[in-house]
Amino acid sequence: MAKTERELTYVPAASQAHIDGFIEMLWLEKGLSDHTQQSYRTDLTKLAIFSNNQGVKDIAVLTTEQLQDYLAYRHDKGLSTRSTQRALSAIRAFFVFLISKQVRVDSPVSALSNPKTPKALPSSLSEQQVEDLLNAPLTDDPIECRDKSMLEVLYATGLRVSELIGLTMDQI
């Protein structure tokens, strides 16, 4: 859309009727919480507004390509992957509803996959915290001696905990 064009911010009647029917089904048949219903309504309303701005007055007729455009739009706006996954889940359920009501015969969402959530790096100890652990005084407790030895091996070798636990006596 050109920057000079004015964005529409309302949901066309056809889209609103389908969204209302879907939300009513969530309440009556599925018994979903008010919070979940509101989240689904918000996600579908945003899709309907986007679609209206693209010239599509009824979200029930959206194609896979148009949904891909919507996902790209969300990405370009910097929305989180988790937020987009939740929205896609709502959209997926919405099209299943439309099929059950014989409004559609197929789901344009079936060809779409959820965006991948980036894996967060595990938190690590600071250099000072590692030194404090390694310099902790030893006691006569064999379990504490074992634990300290394990920490020193982990720190010195870079082994993963699962690798350390899997070591046998002949590997030491």
Protein backbone atom coordinates (compact mmCIF):
# COMPACT_ATOMS: atom_id res chain seq x y z
CA MET A 1 0.00 0.00 0.00
CA ALA A 2 1.34 3.43 -0.86
CA LYS A 3 2.18 5.66 2.08
CA THR A 4 -0.07 8.41 0.77
CA GLU A 5 -3.16 6.21 0.91
CA ARG A 6 -5.25 6.33 4.06
CA GLU A 7 -5.44 3.03 5.94
CA LEU A 8 -8.90 1.76 6.74
CA THR A 9 -9.45 0.76 10.36
CA TYR A 10 -12.85 -0.90 10.32
CA VAL A 11 -14.02 -4.45 9.78
CA PRO A 12 -16.42 -4.94 6.86
CA ALA A 13 -19.82 -6.41 7.77
CA ALA A 14 -19.21 -9.75 6.03
CA SER A 15 -15.98 -10.34 7.94
CA GLN A 16 -17.53 -9.17 11.21
CA ALA A 17 -20.44 -11.61 10.84
CA HIS A 18 -18.05 -14.55 10.39
CA ILE A 19 -15.88 -13.44 13.32
CA ASP A 20 -18.95 -13.05 15.57
CA GLY A 21 -20.20 -16.52 14.60
CA PHE A 22 -16.80 -18.02 15.33
CA ILE A 23 -16.51 -16.33 18.73
CA GLU A 24 -20.03 -17.44 19.63
CA MET A 25 -19.07 -21.03 18.76
CA LEU A 26 -15.96 -20.74 20.98
CA TRP A 27 -18.18 -19.68 23.86
CA LEU A 28 -21.12 -22.06 23.35
CA GLU A 29 -19.46 -25.23 22.08
CA LYS A 30 -15.86 -25.05 23.23
CA GLY A 31 -16.36 -23.21 26.51
CA LEU A 32 -13.16 -21.23 26.02
CA SER A 33 -12.32 -18.50 28.51
CA ASP A 34 -13.25 -14.87 27.93
CA HIS A 35 -9.55 -14.05 27.60
CA THR A 36 -9.05 -16.64 24.84
CA GLN A 37 -12.17 -15.47 23.04
CA GLN A 38 -10.97 -11.86 23.19
CA SER A 39 -7.51 -12.84 21.93
CA TYR A 40 -9.03 -14.72 18.98
CA ARG A 41 -11.36 -11.80 18.24
CA THR A 42 -8.44 -9.35 18.30
CA ASP A 43 -6.31 -11.52 16.01
CA LEU A 44 -9.13 -11.99 13.50
CA THR A 45 -10.12 -8.32 13.63
CA LYS A 46 -6.54 -7.32 12.78
CA LEU A 47 -6.59 -9.78 9.87
CA ALA A 48 -9.93 -8.36 8.67
CA ILE A 49 -8.64 -4.77 8.81
CA PHE A 50 -5.48 -5.75 6.93
CA SER A 51 -7.57 -7.60 4.33
CA ASN A 52 -9.94 -4.67 3.95
CA ASN A 53 -6.94 -2.44 3.25
CA GLN A 54 -5.92 -4.93 0.56
CA GLY A 55 -9.37 -4.75 -1.03
CA VAL A 56 -10.76 -8.01 0.42
CA LYS A 57 -14.06 -7.29 2.18
CA ASP A 58 -14.68 -10.83 3.49
CA ILE A 59 -11.90 -12.76 5.23
CA ALA A 60 -13.73 -16.00 4.45
CA VAL A 61 -12.46 -15.76 0.86
CA LEU A 62 -8.78 -15.19 1.66
CA THR A 63 -6.20 -17.23 -0.22
CA THR A 64 -2.98 -18.78 1.03
CA GLU A 65 -1.02 -16.04 -0.74
CA GLN A 66 -3.04 -13.31 0.97
CA LEU A 67 -2.43 -14.94 4.34
CA GLN A 68 1.29 -15.11 3.53
CA ASP A 69 1.14 -11.37 2.80
CA TYR A 70 -0.46 -10.84 6.21
CA LEU A 71 2.25 -12.86 7.95
CA ALA A 72 4.92 -10.88 6.09
CA TYR A 73 3.19 -7.65 7.15
CA ARG A 74 3.28 -8.78 10.80
CA HIS A 75 6.97 -9.63 10.45
CA ASP A 76 7.72 -6.25 8.85
CA LYS A 77 5.96 -4.51 11.75
CA GLY A 78 8.33 -6.28 14.13
CA LEU A 79 5.69 -8.35 15.89
CA SER A 80 7.09 -11.25 17.89
CA THR A 81 7.19 -14.77 16.55
CA ARG A 82 5.11 -16.01 19.49
CA SER A 83 2.44 -13.40 18.78
CA THR A 84 2.33 -14.42 15.12
CA GLN A 85 2.12 -18.10 16.09
CA ARG A 86 -0.87 -17.34 18.33
CA ALA A 87 -2.54 -15.30 15.57
CA LEU A 88 -1.97 -18.11 13.07
CA SER A 89 -3.51 -20.56 15.52
CA ALA A 90 -6.62 -18.37 15.76
CA ILE A 91 -6.76 -18.04 11.97
CA ARG A 92 -6.35 -21.80 11.56
CA ALA A 93 -9.23 -22.48 13.99
CA PHE A 94 -11.34 -19.84 12.24
CA PHE A 95 -11.02 -21.55 8.86
CA VAL A 96 -11.83 -24.94 10.39
CA PHE A 97 -15.00 -23.26 11.71
CA LEU A 98 -15.81 -21.88 8.23
CA ILE A 99 -15.41 -25.36 6.74
CA SER A 100 -17.69 -26.85 9.42
CA LYS A 101 -20.33 -24.23 8.53
CA GLN A 102 -19.86 -25.02 4.82
CA VAL A 103 -18.75 -21.47 4.05
CA ARG A 104 -15.53 -22.91 2.59
CA VAL A 105 -14.48 -26.31 1.34
CA ASP A 106 -10.78 -25.92 2.11
CA SER A 107 -8.46 -24.05 4.41
CA PRO A 108 -5.92 -21.63 2.97
CA VAL A 109 -3.99 -21.97 6.23
CA SER A 110 -3.20 -25.66 5.74
CA ALA A 111 -0.28 -24.82 3.45
CA LEU A 112 1.24 -22.43 6.01
CA SER A 113 3.63 -23.44 8.75
CA ASN A 114 4.18 -21.67 12.04
CA PRO A 115 7.12 -19.30 12.11
CA LYS A 116 10.03 -20.79 14.03
CA THR A 117 10.73 -19.40 17.47
CA PRO A 118 14.39 -18.48 17.80
CA LYS A 119 16.12 -20.53 20.46
CA ALA A 120 17.38 -18.47 23.36
CA LEU A 121 20.90 -19.03 24.56
CA PRO A 122 21.10 -20.55 28.02
CA SER A 123 22.13 -18.21 30.79
CA SER A 124 25.66 -18.64 32.02
CA LEU A 125 27.60 -17.86 35.14
CA SER A 126 29.88 -14.88 35.32
CA GLU A 127 33.61 -15.48 35.62
CA GLN A 128 33.45 -14.41 39.27
CA GLN A 129 30.59 -16.85 40.01
CA VAL A 130 32.60 -19.72 38.47
CA GLU A 131 35.66 -18.78 40.54
CA ASP A 132 33.54 -18.65 43.70
CA LEU A 133 32.19 -22.14 42.98
CA LEU A 134 35.60 -23.60 42.26
CA ASN A 135 37.20 -21.94 45.29
CA ALA A 136 34.53 -23.07 47.73
CA PRO A 137 36.12 -24.86 50.70
CA LEU A 138 36.07 -28.65 50.64
CA THR A 139 34.47 -30.63 53.40
CA ASP A 140 34.80 -34.29 54.24
CA ASP A 141 31.45 -35.02 52.62
CA PRO A 142 32.03 -37.37 49.65
CA ILE A 143 29.02 -35.95 47.78
CA GLU A 144 30.42 -32.40 47.96
CA CYS A 145 33.83 -33.68 46.78
CA ARG A 146 32.12 -35.40 43.86
CA ASP A 147 30.12 -32.29 42.98
CA LYS A 148 33.20 -30.05 43.08
CA SER A 149 35.12 -32.51 40.89
CA MET A 150 32.25 -32.52 38.41
CA LEU A 151 32.20 -28.71 38.30
CA GLU A 152 35.94 -28.61 37.67
CA VAL A 153 35.65 -31.15 34.84
CA LEU A 154 32.77 -29.19 33.28
CA TYR A 155 34.69 -25.93 33.49
CA ALA A 156 38.00 -27.35 32.27
CA THR A 157 36.65 -29.41 29.37
CA GLY A 158 33.49 -27.67 28.19
CA LEU A 159 31.52 -30.91 28.41
CA ARG A 160 27.76 -30.77 28.58
CA VAL A 161 26.16 -32.03 31.78
CA SER A 162 24.62 -34.95 29.87
CA GLU A 163 28.07 -35.89 28.54
CA LEU A 164 29.60 -35.71 32.01
CA ILE A 165 26.87 -37.84 33.53
CA GLY A 166 27.34 -40.41 30.76
CA LEU A 167 31.05 -40.87 31.47
CA THR A 168 32.17 -44.27 32.70
CA MET A 169 35.13 -45.00 34.98
CA ASP A 170 37.27 -46.29 32.10
CA GLN A 171 36.79 -42.94 30.28
CA ILE A 172 38.18 -40.90 33.17
